[in-house]
């Protein structure tokens, strides 16, 4: 049954994850030819794990504009391919050097570094191939808008730019009020690019597919902005307080690397309070949509209470 029939967030998230997983499975290459190893690595890293929260945002925003399920699922799959590519590259020794991802060996540990790089490259390319195909939407202008917005969210002015800032980040020794304010500004910008840009695309994709009026698209972008920051603050909290077994990856990575985070600057309690406030603000941006946006409002609450 369609996502719009669900009233509670967790069953809706499970449905979105399952439906997106099936679509991804159909779209991913498979075979036993010479390049089969990269196919295997692509499937290993993108299937069978993760909450599919970005996919949920695509599907939930699409229901607001009565977009066809198949169109929404293809866009949801595309964003998950980009997300999977980013995790593969993020785990590489040259980046964050993580051996575990989603409770199993990272792609470069399961295969090798070269295969992991190629699998990430191929997943990124596949995302844009899917968006550009007529099956995603009959209007070429809509497909072009999807390609443009995802490219911007994933590139140097989005996720990649944020990752560059993350690699350069380190804790400031000067803890004056001015320095703390500057650090918060820098961290907010970093996370708006690294994490928030893809979340923003996910939340506004339904509006693009549905050719929505600009004010409604702006409302979804504002929701995504506050939600994305809340999401990252909780990530920072989980890096300090989380259970590695539950998270499926190592914790304390940022502290060990000497990186400034929302938690290192604000402290645990202030960071937790700020995440809650941002979630409330995010939900308030959805008022123009009324009851049909209830699942997205519940998602804001989930983001700040999640344990993984």
Protein backbone atom coordinates (compact mmCIF):
# COMPACT_ATOMS: atom_id res chain seq x y z
CA UNK A 1 0.00 0.00 0.00
CA UNK A 2 1.24 3.56 -0.64
CA UNK A 3 3.13 5.59 1.95
CA UNK A 4 0.21 8.03 2.23
CA UNK A 5 -1.90 5.33 3.94
CA UNK A 6 0.47 5.14 6.92
CA UNK A 7 -0.22 7.20 10.03
CA UNK A 8 2.76 6.23 12.21
CA UNK A 9 6.34 7.06 11.36
CA UNK A 10 8.17 3.82 12.14
CA UNK A 11 5.96 1.53 9.97
CA UNK A 12 6.13 4.18 7.24
CA UNK A 13 9.93 4.26 7.45
CA UNK A 14 10.08 0.46 7.27
CA UNK A 15 7.80 0.49 4.21
CA UNK A 16 9.90 3.19 2.53
CA UNK A 17 13.10 1.26 3.20
CA UNK A 18 11.69 -2.00 1.83
CA UNK A 19 10.15 -0.42 -1.28
CA UNK A 20 13.30 1.57 -2.03
CA UNK A 21 15.50 -1.48 -1.49
CA UNK A 22 13.48 -3.45 -4.05
CA UNK A 23 13.78 -0.63 -6.56
CA UNK A 24 17.51 -0.25 -5.96
CA UNK A 25 17.98 -3.98 -6.45
CA UNK A 26 16.33 -3.77 -9.87
CA UNK A 27 18.38 -0.74 -10.90
CA UNK A 28 21.80 -1.99 -9.78
CA UNK A 29 23.89 -3.92 -12.33
CA UNK A 30 24.62 -7.60 -11.90
CA UNK A 31 26.47 -10.17 -13.97
CA UNK A 32 29.46 -12.45 -14.21
CA UNK A 33 31.50 -10.57 -16.81
CA UNK A 34 34.93 -9.06 -16.21
CA UNK A 35 33.54 -6.03 -14.39
CA UNK A 36 31.40 -8.21 -12.08
CA UNK A 37 33.64 -7.38 -9.11
CA UNK A 38 32.64 -3.72 -9.18
CA UNK A 39 28.97 -4.75 -9.57
CA UNK A 40 29.35 -6.89 -6.46
CA UNK A 41 30.97 -4.05 -4.52
CA UNK A 42 28.20 -1.63 -5.56
CA UNK A 43 25.52 -4.03 -4.37
CA UNK A 44 27.41 -4.89 -1.17
CA UNK A 45 27.63 -1.24 -0.16
CA UNK A 46 24.18 -0.03 -1.14
CA UNK A 47 21.83 -2.92 -0.35
CA UNK A 48 20.87 -4.60 2.89
CA UNK A 49 21.46 -1.87 5.43
CA UNK A 50 20.70 1.62 6.62
CA UNK A 51 17.49 3.30 7.72
CA UNK A 52 16.83 4.79 4.23
CA UNK A 53 15.87 8.06 5.91
CA UNK A 54 16.75 10.10 2.81
CA UNK A 55 14.58 7.80 0.70
CA UNK A 56 11.76 8.27 3.19
CA UNK A 57 12.01 12.05 2.81
CA UNK A 58 11.71 11.72 -0.97
CA UNK A 59 8.67 9.45 -0.74
CA UNK A 60 6.99 11.48 2.01
CA UNK A 61 7.47 14.78 0.20
CA UNK A 62 6.18 13.19 -3.01
CA UNK A 63 2.93 12.16 -1.30
CA UNK A 64 2.22 15.85 -0.60
CA UNK A 65 1.92 16.43 -4.35
CA UNK A 66 0.38 13.09 -5.39
CA UNK A 67 3.47 12.05 -7.36
CA UNK A 68 3.42 8.51 -8.82
CA UNK A 69 5.01 5.90 -6.58
CA UNK A 70 7.43 4.70 -9.28
CA UNK A 71 8.74 8.20 -9.98
CA UNK A 72 9.31 8.80 -6.28
CA UNK A 73 10.97 5.41 -5.76
CA UNK A 74 13.41 5.99 -8.60
CA UNK A 75 14.43 9.35 -7.12
CA UNK A 76 14.65 7.77 -3.67
CA UNK A 77 16.95 5.11 -5.12
CA UNK A 78 19.11 7.76 -6.77
CA UNK A 79 19.66 9.62 -3.50
CA UNK A 80 20.50 6.35 -1.75
CA UNK A 81 23.06 5.54 -4.46
CA UNK A 82 24.72 8.92 -3.88
CA UNK A 83 24.61 8.38 -0.12
CA UNK A 84 26.16 4.91 -0.48
CA UNK A 85 28.92 6.30 -2.71
CA UNK A 86 29.67 8.98 -0.13
CA UNK A 87 29.95 6.40 2.66
CA UNK A 88 32.30 4.20 0.63
CA UNK A 89 34.64 7.13 -0.01
CA UNK A 90 34.21 8.51 3.53
CA UNK A 91 35.45 5.21 4.98
CA UNK A 92 38.63 5.11 2.88
CA UNK A 93 42.01 5.39 4.66
CA UNK A 94 42.61 8.76 2.97
CA UNK A 95 39.36 10.09 4.48
CA UNK A 96 37.94 8.93 7.85
CA UNK A 97 39.63 5.50 7.74
CA UNK A 98 36.74 3.40 9.10
CA UNK A 99 36.88 -0.39 8.96
CA UNK A 100 33.17 -0.94 9.73
CA UNK A 101 30.00 0.42 8.18
CA UNK A 102 26.44 -0.63 9.07
CA UNK A 103 27.80 -3.47 11.20
CA UNK A 104 29.90 -5.10 8.48
CA UNK A 105 33.34 -4.48 6.93
CA UNK A 106 33.63 -1.26 4.93
CA UNK A 107 33.81 -1.67 1.16
CA UNK A 108 37.59 -1.21 1.01
CA UNK A 109 38.03 -3.88 3.71
CA UNK A 110 35.66 -6.35 2.08
CA UNK A 111 37.18 -5.81 -1.37
CA UNK A 112 40.16 -3.44 -1.75
CA UNK A 113 40.73 0.30 -1.98
CA UNK A 114 40.76 0.49 -5.77
CA UNK A 115 37.52 -1.48 -6.07
CA UNK A 116 35.91 0.67 -3.39
CA UNK A 117 36.81 3.87 -5.23
CA UNK A 118 35.43 2.50 -8.47
CA UNK A 119 32.25 1.24 -6.79
CA UNK A 120 31.65 4.69 -5.32
CA UNK A 121 32.28 6.34 -8.67
CA UNK A 122 29.88 3.94 -10.37
CA UNK A 123 27.12 4.46 -7.78
CA UNK A 124 27.32 8.22 -8.25
CA UNK A 125 27.09 7.85 -12.03
CA UNK A 126 24.17 5.42 -11.70
CA UNK A 127 22.22 7.96 -9.63
CA UNK A 128 22.28 10.51 -12.46
CA UNK A 129 21.58 7.84 -15.08
CA UNK A 130 18.41 6.92 -13.16
CA UNK A 131 17.27 10.55 -12.82
CA UNK A 132 17.84 11.25 -16.52
CA UNK A 133 15.72 8.33 -17.74
CA UNK A 134 12.17 8.96 -18.95
CA UNK A 135 10.83 6.37 -16.51
CA UNK A 136 11.61 8.80 -13.68
CA UNK A 137 9.35 11.54 -15.06
CA UNK A 138 7.73 12.22 -18.43
CA UNK A 139 8.71 15.91 -18.43
CA UNK A 140 12.34 16.48 -19.52
CA UNK A 141 12.39 19.79 -17.60
CA UNK A 142 11.59 17.98 -14.36
CA UNK A 143 14.33 15.40 -15.01
CA UNK A 144 16.81 18.19 -15.76
CA UNK A 145 15.83 19.96 -12.53
CA UNK A 146 16.37 16.76 -10.53
CA UNK A 147 19.79 16.21 -12.11
CA UNK A 148 20.80 19.83 -11.49
CA UNK A 149 19.66 19.91 -7.86
CA UNK A 150 21.27 16.57 -6.95
CA UNK A 151 24.51 17.53 -8.71
CA UNK A 152 24.64 20.78 -6.73
CA UNK A 153 23.82 19.02 -3.45
CA UNK A 154 26.46 16.34 -3.99
CA UNK A 155 29.28 18.47 -5.44
CA UNK A 156 31.84 21.04 -4.39
CA UNK A 157 29.17 23.46 -3.13
CA UNK A 158 27.45 20.68 -1.20
CA UNK A 159 28.49 17.32 0.21
CA UNK A 160 32.00 17.23 -1.29
CA UNK A 161 32.71 20.76 -0.12
CA UNK A 162 31.53 19.84 3.35
CA UNK A 163 33.78 16.78 3.39
CA UNK A 164 36.73 18.99 2.47
CA UNK A 165 35.94 21.29 5.39
CA UNK A 166 35.57 18.25 7.65
CA UNK A 167 39.03 16.99 6.70
CA UNK A 168 40.47 20.41 7.54
CA UNK A 169 38.60 20.74 10.83
CA UNK A 170 40.41 20.68 14.15
CA UNK A 171 39.66 21.84 17.67
CA UNK A 172 40.47 25.46 18.41
CA UNK A 173 42.50 26.08 21.55
CA UNK A 174 41.08 29.59 21.97
CA UNK A 175 37.75 29.21 23.79
CA UNK A 176 36.80 32.88 24.08
CA UNK A 177 33.16 33.78 23.37
CA UNK A 178 34.09 35.15 19.94
CA UNK A 179 36.03 32.00 19.12
CA UNK A 180 33.12 29.79 20.19
CA UNK A 181 30.69 31.81 18.07
CA UNK A 182 33.03 31.50 15.08
CA UNK A 183 33.42 27.75 15.70
CA UNK A 184 29.66 27.23 15.83
CA UNK A 185 29.29 29.16 12.58
CA UNK A 186 32.02 27.11 10.92
CA UNK A 187 30.58 23.78 12.12
CA UNK A 188 27.08 24.78 11.05
CA UNK A 189 28.32 25.65 7.57
CA UNK A 190 30.33 22.43 7.34
CA UNK A 191 27.35 20.27 8.27
CA UNK A 192 24.92 22.27 6.10
CA UNK A 193 27.12 21.25 3.18
CA UNK A 194 28.27 17.76 4.16
CA UNK A 195 24.99 16.39 5.54
CA UNK A 196 22.31 19.00 5.02
CA UNK A 197 22.60 19.39 1.26
CA UNK A 198 21.55 15.81 0.48
CA UNK A 199 18.80 15.94 3.10
CA UNK A 200 17.54 19.17 1.52
CA UNK A 201 17.43 17.55 -1.91
CA UNK A 202 15.57 14.57 -0.45
CA UNK A 203 12.96 16.77 1.22
CA UNK A 204 12.36 18.96 -1.83
CA UNK A 205 12.49 16.25 -4.51
CA UNK A 206 8.77 15.60 -4.18
CA UNK A 207 8.08 19.27 -4.86
CA UNK A 208 10.23 19.12 -8.01
CA UNK A 209 8.46 15.96 -9.19
CA UNK A 210 5.07 17.50 -8.45
CA UNK A 211 5.90 20.88 -10.05
CA UNK A 212 4.90 22.53 -6.80
CA UNK A 213 4.51 26.26 -6.25
CA UNK A 214 7.68 27.97 -5.04
CA UNK A 215 6.37 28.83 -1.53
CA UNK A 216 5.72 25.15 -0.83
CA UNK A 217 9.16 24.16 -2.06
CA UNK A 218 10.68 26.88 0.15
CA UNK A 219 8.75 25.54 3.15
CA UNK A 220 10.19 22.07 2.56
CA UNK A 221 13.70 23.52 2.17
CA UNK A 222 13.31 25.35 5.51
CA UNK A 223 12.15 22.09 7.12
CA UNK A 224 15.18 20.32 5.68
CA UNK A 225 17.58 23.02 6.89
CA UNK A 226 16.55 22.73 10.53
CA UNK A 227 16.15 18.96 10.35
CA UNK A 228 19.61 18.54 8.82
CA UNK A 229 21.26 20.48 11.64
CA UNK A 230 19.33 18.51 14.26
CA UNK A 231 20.40 15.29 12.53
CA UNK A 232 24.08 16.25 12.70
CA UNK A 233 23.93 17.35 16.33
CA UNK A 234 22.48 13.94 17.19
CA UNK A 235 25.25 12.29 15.15
CA UNK A 236 27.77 14.22 17.26
CA UNK A 237 25.97 13.11 20.44
CA UNK A 238 25.98 9.49 19.30
CA UNK A 239 29.69 9.69 18.55
CA UNK A 240 30.19 10.47 22.25
CA UNK A 241 27.40 8.47 23.89
CA UNK A 242 26.41 5.85 21.33
CA UNK A 243 26.96 2.09 21.41
CA UNK A 244 29.33 1.01 18.60
CA UNK A 245 27.43 -2.28 18.24
CA UNK A 246 24.13 -0.45 17.81
CA UNK A 247 25.62 2.17 15.51
CA UNK A 248 27.47 -0.39 13.39
CA UNK A 249 30.63 1.74 13.39
CA UNK A 250 33.30 3.06 15.74
CA UNK A 251 32.58 5.94 18.11
CA UNK A 252 34.76 8.75 19.51
CA UNK A 253 36.22 9.29 16.03
CA UNK A 254 35.83 13.07 16.07
CA UNK A 255 37.32 13.47 19.53
CA UNK A 256 40.27 11.24 18.63
CA UNK A 257 40.85 13.32 15.49
CA UNK A 258 40.66 16.58 17.45
CA UNK A 259 37.73 17.86 15.41
CA UNK A 260 35.41 20.54 16.73
CA UNK A 261 31.80 19.35 16.89
CA UNK A 262 28.52 20.72 18.21
CA UNK A 263 29.09 18.64 21.34
CA UNK A 264 32.69 19.73 21.91
CA UNK A 265 31.63 23.38 21.64
CA UNK A 266 28.20 23.35 23.31
CA UNK A 267 28.52 20.43 25.71
CA UNK A 268 26.17 17.45 25.87
CA UNK A 269 23.13 19.12 27.45
CA UNK A 270 23.14 22.29 25.36
CA UNK A 271 23.67 20.25 22.20
CA UNK A 272 20.76 17.96 23.08
CA UNK A 273 18.54 20.96 23.82
CA UNK A 274 19.49 22.64 20.55
CA UNK A 275 18.66 19.49 18.57
CA UNK A 276 15.21 19.38 20.15
CA UNK A 277 14.58 23.04 19.38
CA UNK A 278 15.62 22.58 15.76
CA UNK A 279 13.29 19.58 15.39
CA UNK A 280 10.39 21.68 16.68
CA UNK A 281 11.27 24.48 14.26
CA UNK A 282 11.48 21.98 11.40
CA UNK A 283 7.99 20.65 12.13
CA UNK A 284 6.59 24.20 12.29
CA UNK A 285 7.70 24.86 8.70
CA UNK A 286 5.24 22.15 7.55
CA UNK A 287 2.10 23.95 8.69
CA UNK A 288 1.14 24.99 5.10
CA UNK A 289 0.65 21.29 4.25
CA UNK A 290 -1.66 20.41 7.14
CA UNK A 291 -2.36 16.79 8.07
CA UNK A 292 -0.71 15.21 4.99
CA UNK A 293 2.67 16.31 6.42
CA UNK A 294 2.19 14.44 9.71
CA UNK A 295 4.73 11.74 8.81
CA UNK A 296 7.36 14.38 8.08
CA UNK A 297 6.59 16.03 11.43
CA UNK A 298 7.03 12.68 13.18
CA UNK A 299 10.32 12.22 11.31
CA UNK A 300 11.65 15.37 12.99
CA UNK A 301 10.96 13.77 16.37
CA UNK A 302 12.61 10.52 15.30
CA UNK A 303 15.78 12.31 14.22
CA UNK A 304 16.44 13.61 17.74
CA UNK A 305 15.55 10.39 19.58
CA UNK A 306 17.29 7.84 17.35
CA UNK A 307 20.02 5.59 18.74
CA UNK A 308 21.79 4.79 15.48
